[in-house]
Every structure is written in C-alpha cells, then in structure tokens.
Amino acid sequence: PCLGELAGCHRLMHEIRLKEGFLPEATWLAMYEGEDGRTRE
C-alpha cells in the first residue's frame, strides 16, 4: 500500500537509502527532458 501514496513512496525511499546494504551504483533515475531544455519529468 505504501506504493499507492506519495508520502508512502517518500518514506520507502528514505528506508531504502538508510539500509546498510544500499548500493548507489545500482540505483538510477530516468528523466525525460523536453526539447526546450526546461521541461523535465
């Protein structure tokens, strides 16, 4: 159920980040960047 709430996803990300085995090199984000260079999603 935490995945269905923005606050739950924030809490989950904080928990994942604090896990002892968190691996930054295996953690990625995809971003869409519009042709105008200002639109980011």
Full PDB file with SEQRES, HELIX, SHEET, SSBOND, CRYST1, ORIGX, SCALE, CONECT and MASTER records, all heavy atoms in Angstrom:
SEQRES   1 A   41  PRO CYS LEU GLY GLU LEU ALA GLY CYS HIS ARG LEU MET          
SEQRES   2 A   41  HIS GLU ILE ARG LEU LYS GLU GLY PHE LEU PRO GLU ALA          
SEQRES   3 A   41  THR TRP LEU ALA MET TYR GLU GLY GLU ASP GLY ARG THR          
SEQRES   4 A   41  ARG GLU                                                      
HELIX    1 AA1 CYS A    2  GLY A    4  5                                   3    
HELIX    2 AA2 LEU A    6  LEU A   18  1                                  13    
HELIX    3 AA3 PRO A   24  ALA A   26  5                                   3    
CRYST1    1.000    1.000    1.000  90.00  90.00  90.00 P 1           1          
ORIGX1      1.000000  0.000000  0.000000        0.00000                         
ORIGX2      0.000000  1.000000  0.000000        0.00000                         
ORIGX3      0.000000  0.000000  1.000000        0.00000                         
SCALE1      1.000000  0.000000  0.000000        0.00000                         
SCALE2      0.000000  1.000000  0.000000        0.00000                         
SCALE3      0.000000  0.000000  1.000000        0.00000                         
ATOM      1  N   PRO A   1       0.792  -1.236   0.000  1.00  0.00           N  
ATOM      2  CA  PRO A   1       0.000   0.000   0.000  1.00  0.00           C  
ATOM      3  C   PRO A   1       0.826   1.288   0.000  1.00  0.00           C  
ATOM      4  O   PRO A   1       0.356   2.305  -0.528  1.00  0.00           O  
ATOM      5  CB  PRO A   1      -0.844  -0.127   1.275  1.00  0.00           C  
ATOM      6  CG  PRO A   1      -0.985  -1.606   1.475  1.00  0.00           C  
ATOM      7  CD  PRO A   1       0.342  -2.177   1.038  1.00  0.00           C  
ATOM      8  N   CYS A   2       2.039   1.271   0.517  1.00  0.00           N  
ATOM      9  CA  CYS A   2       2.853   2.496   0.516  1.00  0.00           C  
ATOM     10  C   CYS A   2       3.113   2.985  -0.906  1.00  0.00           C  
ATOM     11  O   CYS A   2       3.305   4.186  -1.131  1.00  0.00           O  
ATOM     12  CB  CYS A   2       4.172   2.283   1.256  1.00  0.00           C  
ATOM     13  SG  CYS A   2       5.280   1.096   0.482  1.00  0.00           S  
ATOM     14  N   LEU A   3       3.095   2.093  -1.896  1.00  0.00           N  
ATOM     15  CA  LEU A   3       3.339   2.497  -3.281  1.00  0.00           C  
ATOM     16  C   LEU A   3       2.183   3.290  -3.877  1.00  0.00           C  
ATOM     17  O   LEU A   3       2.342   3.949  -4.900  1.00  0.00           O  
ATOM     18  CB  LEU A   3       3.623   1.266  -4.154  1.00  0.00           C  
ATOM     19  CG  LEU A   3       4.909   0.506  -3.840  1.00  0.00           C  
ATOM     20  CD1 LEU A   3       4.993  -0.768  -4.673  1.00  0.00           C  
ATOM     21  CD2 LEU A   3       6.131   1.378  -4.057  1.00  0.00           C  
ATOM     22  N   GLY A   4       1.037   3.246  -3.243  1.00  0.00           N  
ATOM     23  CA  GLY A   4      -0.130   3.964  -3.734  1.00  0.00           C  
ATOM     24  C   GLY A   4      -0.291   5.351  -3.143  1.00  0.00           C  
ATOM     25  O   GLY A   4      -1.259   6.039  -3.429  1.00  0.00           O  
ATOM     26  N   GLU A   5       0.677   5.764  -2.316  1.00  0.00           N  
ATOM     27  CA  GLU A   5       0.615   7.080  -1.675  1.00  0.00           C  
ATOM     28  C   GLU A   5       1.954   7.778  -1.847  1.00  0.00           C  
ATOM     29  O   GLU A   5       3.006   7.166  -1.644  1.00  0.00           O  
ATOM     30  CB  GLU A   5       0.336   6.930  -0.182  1.00  0.00           C  
ATOM     31  CG  GLU A   5      -0.935   6.179   0.145  1.00  0.00           C  
ATOM     32  CD  GLU A   5      -1.045   5.846   1.628  1.00  0.00           C  
ATOM     33  OE1 GLU A   5      -0.083   6.120   2.387  1.00  0.00           O  
ATOM     34  OE2 GLU A   5      -2.086   5.301   2.013  1.00  0.00           O  
ATOM     35  N   LEU A   6       1.922   9.063  -2.183  1.00  0.00           N  
ATOM     36  CA  LEU A   6       3.164   9.812  -2.349  1.00  0.00           C  
ATOM     37  C   LEU A   6       3.974   9.814  -1.054  1.00  0.00           C  
ATOM     38  O   LEU A   6       5.193   9.578  -1.073  1.00  0.00           O  
ATOM     39  CB  LEU A   6       2.878  11.239  -2.818  1.00  0.00           C  
ATOM     40  CG  LEU A   6       4.089  12.110  -3.113  1.00  0.00           C  
ATOM     41  CD1 LEU A   6       5.013  11.465  -4.149  1.00  0.00           C  
ATOM     42  CD2 LEU A   6       3.640  13.489  -3.586  1.00  0.00           C  
ATOM     43  N   ALA A   7       3.320  10.032   0.076  1.00  0.00           N  
ATOM     44  CA  ALA A   7       4.030  10.025   1.365  1.00  0.00           C  
ATOM     45  C   ALA A   7       4.641   8.649   1.638  1.00  0.00           C  
ATOM     46  O   ALA A   7       5.752   8.548   2.181  1.00  0.00           O  
ATOM     47  CB  ALA A   7       3.089  10.431   2.493  1.00  0.00           C  
ATOM     48  N   GLY A   8       3.930   7.594   1.258  1.00  0.00           N  
ATOM     49  CA  GLY A   8       4.452   6.241   1.436  1.00  0.00           C  
ATOM     50  C   GLY A   8       5.691   5.997   0.592  1.00  0.00           C  
ATOM     51  O   GLY A   8       6.642   5.347   1.031  1.00  0.00           O  
ATOM     52  N   CYS A   9       5.706   6.523  -0.629  1.00  0.00           N  
ATOM     53  CA  CYS A   9       6.876   6.375  -1.504  1.00  0.00           C  
ATOM     54  C   CYS A   9       8.059   7.171  -0.958  1.00  0.00           C  
ATOM     55  O   CYS A   9       9.206   6.712  -1.031  1.00  0.00           O  
ATOM     56  CB  CYS A   9       6.533   6.799  -2.925  1.00  0.00           C  
ATOM     57  SG  CYS A   9       5.415   5.631  -3.746  1.00  0.00           S  
ATOM     58  N   HIS A  10       7.798   8.346  -0.396  1.00  0.00           N  
ATOM     59  CA  HIS A  10       8.872   9.120   0.244  1.00  0.00           C  
ATOM     60  C   HIS A  10       9.457   8.336   1.413  1.00  0.00           C  
ATOM     61  O   HIS A  10      10.682   8.219   1.537  1.00  0.00           O  
ATOM     62  CB  HIS A  10       8.351  10.461   0.733  1.00  0.00           C  
ATOM     63  CG  HIS A  10       8.175  11.454  -0.355  1.00  0.00           C  
ATOM     64  ND1 HIS A  10       7.427  12.596  -0.183  1.00  0.00           N  
ATOM     65  CD2 HIS A  10       8.617  11.509  -1.624  1.00  0.00           C  
ATOM     66  CE1 HIS A  10       7.434  13.301  -1.298  1.00  0.00           C  
ATOM     67  NE2 HIS A  10       8.137  12.647  -2.191  1.00  0.00           N  
ATOM     68  N   ARG A  11       8.581   7.789   2.249  1.00  0.00           N  
ATOM     69  CA  ARG A  11       9.036   7.003   3.404  1.00  0.00           C  
ATOM     70  C   ARG A  11       9.838   5.785   2.938  1.00  0.00           C  
ATOM     71  O   ARG A  11      10.916   5.496   3.477  1.00  0.00           O  
ATOM     72  CB  ARG A  11       7.817   6.589   4.231  1.00  0.00           C  
ATOM     73  CG  ARG A  11       8.135   5.969   5.564  1.00  0.00           C  
ATOM     74  CD  ARG A  11       6.877   5.709   6.404  1.00  0.00           C  
ATOM     75  NE  ARG A  11       5.868   4.918   5.717  1.00  0.00           N  
ATOM     76  CZ  ARG A  11       4.736   5.407   5.202  1.00  0.00           C  
ATOM     77  NH1 ARG A  11       4.457   6.679   5.282  1.00  0.00           N  
ATOM     78  NH2 ARG A  11       3.874   4.609   4.596  1.00  0.00           N  
ATOM     79  N   LEU A  12       9.341   5.099   1.922  1.00  0.00           N  
ATOM     80  CA  LEU A  12      10.030   3.921   1.401  1.00  0.00           C  
ATOM     81  C   LEU A  12      11.413   4.278   0.868  1.00  0.00           C  
ATOM     82  O   LEU A  12      12.395   3.577   1.123  1.00  0.00           O  
ATOM     83  CB  LEU A  12       9.183   3.253   0.310  1.00  0.00           C  
ATOM     84  CG  LEU A  12       9.764   2.005  -0.340  1.00  0.00           C  
ATOM     85  CD1 LEU A  12      10.037   0.914   0.700  1.00  0.00           C  
ATOM     86  CD2 LEU A  12       8.822   1.495  -1.414  1.00  0.00           C  
ATOM     87  N   MET A  13      11.514   5.367   0.122  1.00  0.00           N  
ATOM     88  CA  MET A  13      12.825   5.777  -0.410  1.00  0.00           C  
ATOM     89  C   MET A  13      13.797   6.103   0.725  1.00  0.00           C  
ATOM     90  O   MET A  13      14.976   5.741   0.656  1.00  0.00           O  
ATOM     91  CB  MET A  13      12.694   6.979  -1.349  1.00  0.00           C  
ATOM     92  CG  MET A  13      12.322   6.619  -2.766  1.00  0.00           C  
ATOM     93  SD  MET A  13      13.392   5.373  -3.552  1.00  0.00           S  
ATOM     94  CE  MET A  13      15.011   6.097  -3.368  1.00  0.00           C  
ATOM     95  N   HIS A  14      13.322   6.775   1.764  1.00  0.00           N  
ATOM     96  CA  HIS A  14      14.188   7.070   2.913  1.00  0.00           C  
ATOM     97  C   HIS A  14      14.669   5.764   3.565  1.00  0.00           C  
ATOM     98  O   HIS A  14      15.844   5.633   3.911  1.00  0.00           O  
ATOM     99  CB  HIS A  14      13.465   7.947   3.935  1.00  0.00           C  
ATOM    100  CG  HIS A  14      13.373   9.383   3.533  1.00  0.00           C  
ATOM    101  ND1 HIS A  14      14.418  10.267   3.656  1.00  0.00           N  
ATOM    102  CD2 HIS A  14      12.350  10.084   2.990  1.00  0.00           C  
ATOM    103  CE1 HIS A  14      14.046  11.456   3.217  1.00  0.00           C  
ATOM    104  NE2 HIS A  14      12.796  11.367   2.787  1.00  0.00           N  
ATOM    105  N   GLU A  15      13.759   4.786   3.693  1.00  0.00           N  
ATOM    106  CA  GLU A  15      14.123   3.500   4.301  1.00  0.00           C  
ATOM    107  C   GLU A  15      15.143   2.756   3.444  1.00  0.00           C  
ATOM    108  O   GLU A  15      16.107   2.194   3.967  1.00  0.00           O  
ATOM    109  CB  GLU A  15      12.873   2.645   4.520  1.00  0.00           C  
ATOM    110  CG  GLU A  15      11.974   3.184   5.608  1.00  0.00           C  
ATOM    111  CD  GLU A  15      10.635   2.468   5.688  1.00  0.00           C  
ATOM    112  OE1 GLU A  15      10.411   1.481   4.938  1.00  0.00           O  
ATOM    113  OE2 GLU A  15       9.792   2.908   6.495  1.00  0.00           O  
ATOM    114  N   ILE A  16      14.929   2.739   2.142  1.00  0.00           N  
ATOM    115  CA  ILE A  16      15.878   2.066   1.246  1.00  0.00           C  
ATOM    116  C   ILE A  16      17.244   2.736   1.348  1.00  0.00           C  
ATOM    117  O   ILE A  16      18.271   2.066   1.457  1.00  0.00           O  
ATOM    118  CB  ILE A  16      15.354   2.074  -0.212  1.00  0.00           C  
ATOM    119  CG1 ILE A  16      14.154   1.148  -0.349  1.00  0.00           C  
ATOM    120  CG2 ILE A  16      16.470   1.677  -1.194  1.00  0.00           C  
ATOM    121  CD1 ILE A  16      13.414   1.265  -1.684  1.00  0.00           C  
ATOM    122  N   ARG A  17      17.269   4.056   1.329  1.00  0.00           N  
ATOM    123  CA  ARG A  17      18.529   4.803   1.393  1.00  0.00           C  
ATOM    124  C   ARG A  17      19.295   4.517   2.679  1.00  0.00           C  
ATOM    125  O   ARG A  17      20.525   4.499   2.688  1.00  0.00           O  
ATOM    126  CB  ARG A  17      18.250   6.313   1.267  1.00  0.00           C  
ATOM    127  CG  ARG A  17      19.442   7.206   1.501  1.00  0.00           C  
ATOM    128  CD  ARG A  17      20.539   6.915   0.465  1.00  0.00           C  
ATOM    129  NE  ARG A  17      21.722   7.669   0.721  1.00  0.00           N  
ATOM    130  CZ  ARG A  17      22.791   7.216   1.373  1.00  0.00           C  
ATOM    131  NH1 ARG A  17      22.783   5.992   1.884  1.00  0.00           N  
ATOM    132  NH2 ARG A  17      23.855   7.965   1.526  1.00  0.00           N  
ATOM    133  N   LEU A  18      18.584   4.258   3.772  1.00  0.00           N  
ATOM    134  CA  LEU A  18      19.234   4.027   5.063  1.00  0.00           C  
ATOM    135  C   LEU A  18      19.615   2.569   5.304  1.00  0.00           C  
ATOM    136  O   LEU A  18      20.294   2.272   6.284  1.00  0.00           O  
ATOM    137  CB  LEU A  18      18.335   4.523   6.199  1.00  0.00           C  
ATOM    138  CG  LEU A  18      18.109   6.038   6.228  1.00  0.00           C  
ATOM    139  CD1 LEU A  18      17.112   6.409   7.325  1.00  0.00           C  
ATOM    140  CD2 LEU A  18      19.428   6.785   6.400  1.00  0.00           C  
ATOM    141  N   LYS A  19      19.196   1.662   4.412  1.00  0.00           N  
ATOM    142  CA  LYS A  19      19.558   0.245   4.581  1.00  0.00           C  
ATOM    143  C   LYS A  19      21.075   0.097   4.538  1.00  0.00           C  
ATOM    144  O   LYS A  19      21.752   0.749   3.740  1.00  0.00           O  
ATOM    145  CB  LYS A  19      18.926  -0.618   3.495  1.00  0.00           C  
ATOM    146  CG  LYS A  19      17.464  -0.885   3.712  1.00  0.00           C  
ATOM    147  CD  LYS A  19      16.944  -1.835   2.643  1.00  0.00           C  
ATOM    148  CE  LYS A  19      15.482  -2.048   2.821  1.00  0.00           C  
ATOM    149  NZ  LYS A  19      15.181  -3.275   3.501  1.00  0.00           N  
ATOM    150  N   GLU A  20      21.578  -0.776   5.354  1.00  0.00           N  
ATOM    151  CA  GLU A  20      23.023  -0.997   5.427  1.00  0.00           C  
ATOM    152  C   GLU A  20      23.606  -1.384   4.072  1.00  0.00           C  
ATOM    153  O   GLU A  20      24.697  -0.975   3.715  1.00  0.00           O  
ATOM    154  CB  GLU A  20      23.336  -2.084   6.467  1.00  0.00           C  
ATOM    155  CG  GLU A  20      24.803  -2.307   6.680  1.00  0.00           C  
ATOM    156  CD  GLU A  20      25.080  -3.325   7.758  1.00  0.00           C  
ATOM    157  OE1 GLU A  20      24.278  -3.440   8.701  1.00  0.00           O  
ATOM    158  OE2 GLU A  20      26.118  -4.018   7.653  1.00  0.00           O  
ATOM    159  N   GLY A  21      22.889  -2.153   3.289  1.00  0.00           N  
ATOM    160  CA  GLY A  21      23.398  -2.627   2.007  1.00  0.00           C  
ATOM    161  C   GLY A  21      23.051  -1.760   0.808  1.00  0.00           C  
ATOM    162  O   GLY A  21      23.246  -2.184  -0.335  1.00  0.00           O  
ATOM    163  N   PHE A  22      22.544  -0.547   1.033  1.00  0.00           N  
ATOM    164  CA  PHE A  22      22.176   0.318  -0.080  1.00  0.00           C  
ATOM    165  C   PHE A  22      23.361   0.498  -1.026  1.00  0.00           C  
ATOM    166  O   PHE A  22      24.477   0.782  -0.597  1.00  0.00           O  
ATOM    167  CB  PHE A  22      21.709   1.684   0.443  1.00  0.00           C  
ATOM    168  CG  PHE A  22      21.383   2.660  -0.649  1.00  0.00           C  
ATOM    169  CD1 PHE A  22      20.241   2.503  -1.420  1.00  0.00           C  
ATOM    170  CD2 PHE A  22      22.218   3.733  -0.916  1.00  0.00           C  
ATOM    171  CE1 PHE A  22      19.928   3.415  -2.425  1.00  0.00           C  
ATOM    172  CE2 PHE A  22      21.921   4.649  -1.915  1.00  0.00           C  
ATOM    173  CZ  PHE A  22      20.779   4.476  -2.674  1.00  0.00           C  
ATOM    174  N   LEU A  23      23.108   0.312  -2.334  1.00  0.00           N  
ATOM    175  CA  LEU A  23      24.173   0.430  -3.342  1.00  0.00           C  
ATOM    176  C   LEU A  23      23.854   1.583  -4.300  1.00  0.00           C  
ATOM    177  O   LEU A  23      23.044   1.433  -5.215  1.00  0.00           O  
ATOM    178  CB  LEU A  23      24.314  -0.868  -4.142  1.00  0.00           C  
ATOM    179  CG  LEU A  23      24.953  -2.040  -3.420  1.00  0.00           C  
ATOM    180  CD1 LEU A  23      24.910  -3.292  -4.277  1.00  0.00           C  
ATOM    181  CD2 LEU A  23      26.377  -1.717  -3.027  1.00  0.00           C  
ATOM    182  N   PRO A  24      24.496   2.723  -4.107  1.00  0.00           N  
ATOM    183  CA  PRO A  24      24.261   3.844  -5.021  1.00  0.00           C  
ATOM    184  C   PRO A  24      24.526   3.486  -6.477  1.00  0.00           C  
ATOM    185  O   PRO A  24      23.816   3.964  -7.370  1.00  0.00           O  
ATOM    186  CB  PRO A  24      25.248   4.910  -4.527  1.00  0.00           C  
ATOM    187  CG  PRO A  24      25.515   4.555  -3.104  1.00  0.00           C  
ATOM    188  CD  PRO A  24      25.423   3.052  -3.038  1.00  0.00           C  
ATOM    189  N   GLU A  25      25.520   2.638  -6.743  1.00  0.00           N  
ATOM    190  CA  GLU A  25      25.860   2.292  -8.117  1.00  0.00           C  
ATOM    191  C   GLU A  25      24.806   1.420  -8.801  1.00  0.00           C  
ATOM    192  O   GLU A  25      24.849   1.231 -10.010  1.00  0.00           O  
ATOM    193  CB  GLU A  25      27.238   1.647  -8.196  1.00  0.00           C  
ATOM    194  CG  GLU A  25      27.419   0.402  -7.345  1.00  0.00           C  
ATOM    195  CD  GLU A  25      27.979   0.656  -5.950  1.00  0.00           C  
ATOM    196  OE1 GLU A  25      27.365   1.431  -5.184  1.00  0.00           O  
ATOM    197  OE2 GLU A  25      29.007   0.075  -5.624  1.00  0.00           O  
ATOM    198  N   ALA A  26      23.835   0.915  -8.021  1.00  0.00           N  
ATOM    199  CA  ALA A  26      22.743   0.111  -8.583  1.00  0.00           C  
ATOM    200  C   ALA A  26      21.410   0.847  -8.479  1.00  0.00           C  
ATOM    201  O   ALA A  26      20.353   0.235  -8.587  1.00  0.00           O  
ATOM    202  CB  ALA A  26      22.668  -1.241  -7.871  1.00  0.00           C  
ATOM    203  N   THR A  27      21.460   2.160  -8.270  1.00  0.00           N  
ATOM    204  CA  THR A  27      20.266   2.975  -8.067  1.00  0.00           C  
ATOM    205  C   THR A  27      20.261   4.105  -9.094  1.00  0.00           C  
ATOM    206  O   THR A  27      21.194   4.911  -9.137  1.00  0.00           O  
ATOM    207  CB  THR A  27      20.251   3.522  -6.626  1.00  0.00           C  
ATOM    208  OG1 THR A  27      20.264   2.402  -5.719  1.00  0.00           O  
ATOM    209  CG2 THR A  27      19.027   4.376  -6.372  1.00  0.00           C  
ATOM    210  N   TRP A  28      19.211   4.146  -9.924  1.00  0.00           N  
ATOM    211  CA  TRP A  28      19.168   5.051 -11.071  1.00  0.00           C  
ATOM    212  C   TRP A  28      17.803   5.694 -11.217  1.00  0.00           C  
ATOM    213  O   TRP A  28      16.797   5.142 -10.778  1.00  0.00           O  
ATOM    214  CB  TRP A  28      19.522   4.284 -12.348  1.00  0.00           C  
ATOM    215  CG  TRP A  28      20.938   3.831 -12.339  1.00  0.00           C  
ATOM    216  CD1 TRP A  28      21.425   2.679 -11.770  1.00  0.00           C  
ATOM    217  CD2 TRP A  28      22.056   4.528 -12.868  1.00  0.00           C  
ATOM    218  NE1 TRP A  28      22.784   2.638 -11.929  1.00  0.00           N  
ATOM    219  CE2 TRP A  28      23.204   3.759 -12.598  1.00  0.00           C  
ATOM    220  CE3 TRP A  28      22.198   5.738 -13.548  1.00  0.00           C  
ATOM    221  CZ2 TRP A  28      24.470   4.151 -12.987  1.00  0.00           C  
ATOM    222  CZ3 TRP A  28      23.470   6.130 -13.947  1.00  0.00           C  
ATOM    223  CH2 TRP A  28      24.585   5.342 -13.662  1.00  0.00           C  
ATOM    224  N   LEU A  29      17.794   6.829 -11.900  1.00  0.00           N  
ATOM    225  CA  LEU A  29      16.582   7.574 -12.164  1.00  0.00           C  
ATOM    226  C   LEU A  29      16.559   7.921 -13.652  1.00  0.00           C  
ATOM    227  O   LEU A  29      17.571   8.343 -14.205  1.00  0.00           O  
ATOM    228  CB  LEU A  29      16.590   8.865 -11.329  1.00  0.00           C  
ATOM    229  CG  LEU A  29      15.371   9.761 -11.350  1.00  0.00           C  
ATOM    230  CD1 LEU A  29      14.161   9.060 -10.711  1.00  0.00           C  
ATOM    231  CD2 LEU A  29      15.673  11.059 -10.590  1.00  0.00           C  
ATOM    232  N   ALA A  30      15.396   7.725 -14.299  1.00  0.00           N  
ATOM    233  CA  ALA A  30      15.237   8.122 -15.702  1.00  0.00           C  
ATOM    234  C   ALA A  30      14.511   9.458 -15.735  1.00  0.00           C  
ATOM    235  O   ALA A  30      13.553   9.678 -14.994  1.00  0.00           O  
ATOM    236  CB  ALA A  30      14.435   7.074 -16.476  1.00  0.00           C  
ATOM    237  N   MET A  31      14.989  10.335 -16.612  1.00  0.00           N  
ATOM    238  CA  MET A  31      14.402  11.654 -16.732  1.00  0.00           C  
ATOM    239  C   MET A  31      14.121  11.955 -18.197  1.00  0.00           C  
ATOM    240  O   MET A  31      14.971  11.725 -19.053  1.00  0.00           O  
ATOM    241  CB  MET A  31      15.356  12.714 -16.173  1.00  0.00           C  
ATOM    242  CG  MET A  31      14.790  14.127 -16.243  1.00  0.00           C  
ATOM    243  SD  MET A  31      15.899  15.363 -15.535  1.00  0.00           S  
ATOM    244  CE  MET A  31      17.138  15.467 -16.816  1.00  0.00           C  
ATOM    245  N   TYR A  32      12.918  12.464 -18.452  1.00  0.00           N  
ATOM    246  CA  TYR A  32      12.566  12.978 -19.761  1.00  0.00           C  
ATOM    247  C   TYR A  32      12.913  14.460 -19.754  1.00  0.00           C  
ATOM    248  O   TYR A  32      12.581  15.181 -18.817  1.00  0.00           O  
ATOM    249  CB  TYR A  32      11.067  12.791 -20.033  1.00  0.00           C  
ATOM    250  CG  TYR A  32      10.590  13.547 -21.238  1.00  0.00           C  
ATOM    251  CD1 TYR A  32      10.781  13.035 -22.510  1.00  0.00           C  
ATOM    252  CD2 TYR A  32       9.965  14.779 -21.104  1.00  0.00           C  
ATOM    253  CE1 TYR A  32      10.348  13.736 -23.626  1.00  0.00           C  
ATOM    254  CE2 TYR A  32       9.529  15.482 -22.212  1.00  0.00           C  
ATOM    255  CZ  TYR A  32       9.726  14.957 -23.470  1.00  0.00           C  
ATOM    256  OH  TYR A  32       9.310  15.659 -24.565  1.00  0.00           O  
ATOM    257  N   GLU A  33      13.597  14.890 -20.806  1.00  0.00           N  
ATOM    258  CA  GLU A  33      13.961  16.303 -20.928  1.00  0.00           C  
ATOM    259  C   GLU A  33      13.429  16.805 -22.258  1.00  0.00           C  
ATOM    260  O   GLU A  33      13.857  16.341 -23.314  1.00  0.00           O  
ATOM    261  CB  GLU A  33      15.471  16.454 -20.844  1.00  0.00           C  
ATOM    262  CG  GLU A  33      15.948  17.864 -20.672  1.00  0.00           C  
ATOM    263  CD  GLU A  33      17.423  17.908 -20.333  1.00  0.00           C  
ATOM    264  OE1 GLU A  33      18.200  17.204 -20.994  1.00  0.00           O  
ATOM    265  OE2 GLU A  33      17.773  18.647 -19.415  1.00  0.00           O  
ATOM    266  N   GLY A  34      12.498  17.745 -22.202  1.00  0.00           N  
ATOM    267  CA  GLY A  34      11.881  18.279 -23.406  1.00  0.00           C  
ATOM    268  C   GLY A  34      12.866  19.012 -24.292  1.00  0.00           C  
ATOM    269  O   GLY A  34      13.958  19.397 -23.859  1.00  0.00           O  
ATOM    270  N   GLU A  35      12.479  19.194 -25.531  1.00  0.00           N  
ATOM    271  CA  GLU A  35      13.350  19.864 -26.498  1.00  0.00           C  
ATOM    272  C   GLU A  35      13.704  21.288 -26.088  1.00  0.00           C  
ATOM    273  O   GLU A  35      14.746  21.803 -26.468  1.00  0.00           O  
ATOM    274  CB  GLU A  35      12.704  19.854 -27.880  1.00  0.00           C  
ATOM    275  CG  GLU A  35      12.642  18.460 -28.469  1.00  0.00           C  
ATOM    276  CD  GLU A  35      12.095  18.458 -29.880  1.00  0.00           C  
ATOM    277  OE1 GLU A  35      12.244  19.475 -30.579  1.00  0.00           O  
ATOM    278  OE2 GLU A  35      11.536  17.427 -30.270  1.00  0.00           O  
ATOM    279  N   ASP A  36      12.831  21.919 -25.296  1.00  0.00           N  
ATOM    280  CA  ASP A  36      13.111  23.290 -24.859  1.00  0.00           C  
ATOM    281  C   ASP A  36      14.188  23.338 -23.775  1.00  0.00           C  
ATOM    282  O   ASP A  36      14.662  24.407 -23.425  1.00  0.00           O  
ATOM    283  CB  ASP A  36      11.836  23.975 -24.364  1.00  0.00           C  
ATOM    284  CG  ASP A  36      11.211  23.282 -23.160  1.00  0.00           C  
ATOM    285  OD1 ASP A  36      11.810  22.335 -22.600  1.00  0.00           O  
ATOM    286  OD2 ASP A  36      10.107  23.691 -22.764  1.00  0.00           O  
ATOM    287  N   GLY A  37      14.584  22.170 -23.236  1.00  0.00           N  
ATOM    288  CA  GLY A  37      15.617  22.114 -22.206  1.00  0.00           C  
ATOM    289  C   GLY A  37      15.122  22.490 -20.823  1.00  0.00           C  
ATOM    290  O   GLY A  37      15.839  22.350 -19.845  1.00  0.00           O  
ATOM    291  N   ARG A  38      13.888  22.945 -20.723  1.00  0.00           N  
ATOM    292  CA  ARG A  38      13.336  23.349 -19.421  1.00  0.00           C  
ATOM    293  C   ARG A  38      12.331  22.346 -18.888  1.00  0.00           C  
ATOM    294  O   ARG A  38      12.133  22.264 -17.687  1.00  0.00           O  
ATOM    295  CB  ARG A  38      12.686  24.721 -19.527  1.00  0.00           C  
ATOM    296  CG  ARG A  38      13.701  25.833 -19.765  1.00  0.00           C  
ATOM    297  CD  ARG A  38      12.996  27.126 -19.948  1.00  0.00           C  
ATOM    298  NE  ARG A  38      12.269  27.027 -21.224  1.00  0.00           N  
ATOM    299  CZ  ARG A  38      11.643  28.016 -21.799  1.00  0.00           C  
ATOM    300  NH1 ARG A  38      11.597  29.177 -21.227  1.00  0.00           N  
ATOM    301  NH2 ARG A  38      11.043  27.848 -22.959  1.00  0.00           N  
ATOM    302  N   THR A  39      11.668  21.608 -19.765  1.00  0.00           N  
ATOM    303  CA  THR A  39      10.677  20.622 -19.350  1.00  0.00           C  
ATOM    304  C   THR A  39      11.408  19.378 -18.874  1.00  0.00           C  
ATOM    305  O   THR A  39      12.148  18.753 -19.645  1.00  0.00           O  
ATOM    306  CB  THR A  39       9.742  20.255 -20.524  1.00  0.00           C  
ATOM    307  OG1 THR A  39       9.163  21.448 -21.025  1.00  0.00           O  
ATOM    308  CG2 THR A  39       8.684  19.271 -20.089  1.00  0.00           C  
ATOM    309  N   ARG A  40      11.214  19.048 -17.612  1.00  0.00           N  
ATOM    310  CA  ARG A  40      11.843  17.856 -17.036  1.00  0.00           C  
ATOM    311  C   ARG A  40      10.798  17.046 -16.301  1.00  0.00           C  
ATOM    312  O   ARG A  40       9.986  17.597 -15.567  1.00  0.00           O  
ATOM    313  CB  ARG A  40      12.970  18.246 -16.084  1.00  0.00           C  
ATOM    314  CG  ARG A  40      14.121  18.847 -16.812  1.00  0.00           C  
ATOM    315  CD  ARG A  40      15.278  19.056 -15.907  1.00  0.00           C  
ATOM    316  NE  ARG A  40      16.393  19.512 -16.718  1.00  0.00           N  
ATOM    317  CZ  ARG A  40      17.423  20.141 -16.251  1.00  0.00           C  
ATOM    318  NH1 ARG A  40      17.528  20.361 -14.966  1.00  0.00           N  
ATOM    319  NH2 ARG A  40      18.396  20.514 -17.055  1.00  0.00           N  
ATOM    320  N   GLU A  41      10.867  15.746 -16.525  1.00  0.00           N  
ATOM    321  CA  GLU A  41       9.916  14.840 -15.879  1.00  0.00           C  
ATOM    322  C   GLU A  41      10.686  13.588 -15.481  1.00  0.00           C  
ATOM    323  O   GLU A  41      11.332  12.958 -16.318  1.00  0.00           O  
ATOM    324  CB  GLU A  41       8.813  14.494 -16.876  1.00  0.00           C  
ATOM    325  CG  GLU A  41       7.914  13.383 -16.460  1.00  0.00           C  
ATOM    326  CD  GLU A  41       7.089  12.864 -17.634  1.00  0.00           C  
ATOM    327  OE1 GLU A  41       6.827  13.620 -18.583  1.00  0.00           O  
ATOM    328  OE2 GLU A  41       6.732  11.677 -17.586  1.00  0.00           O  
TER     329      GLU A  41                                                      
MASTER        0    0    0    3    0    0    0    6  328    1    0    4          
END                                                                             
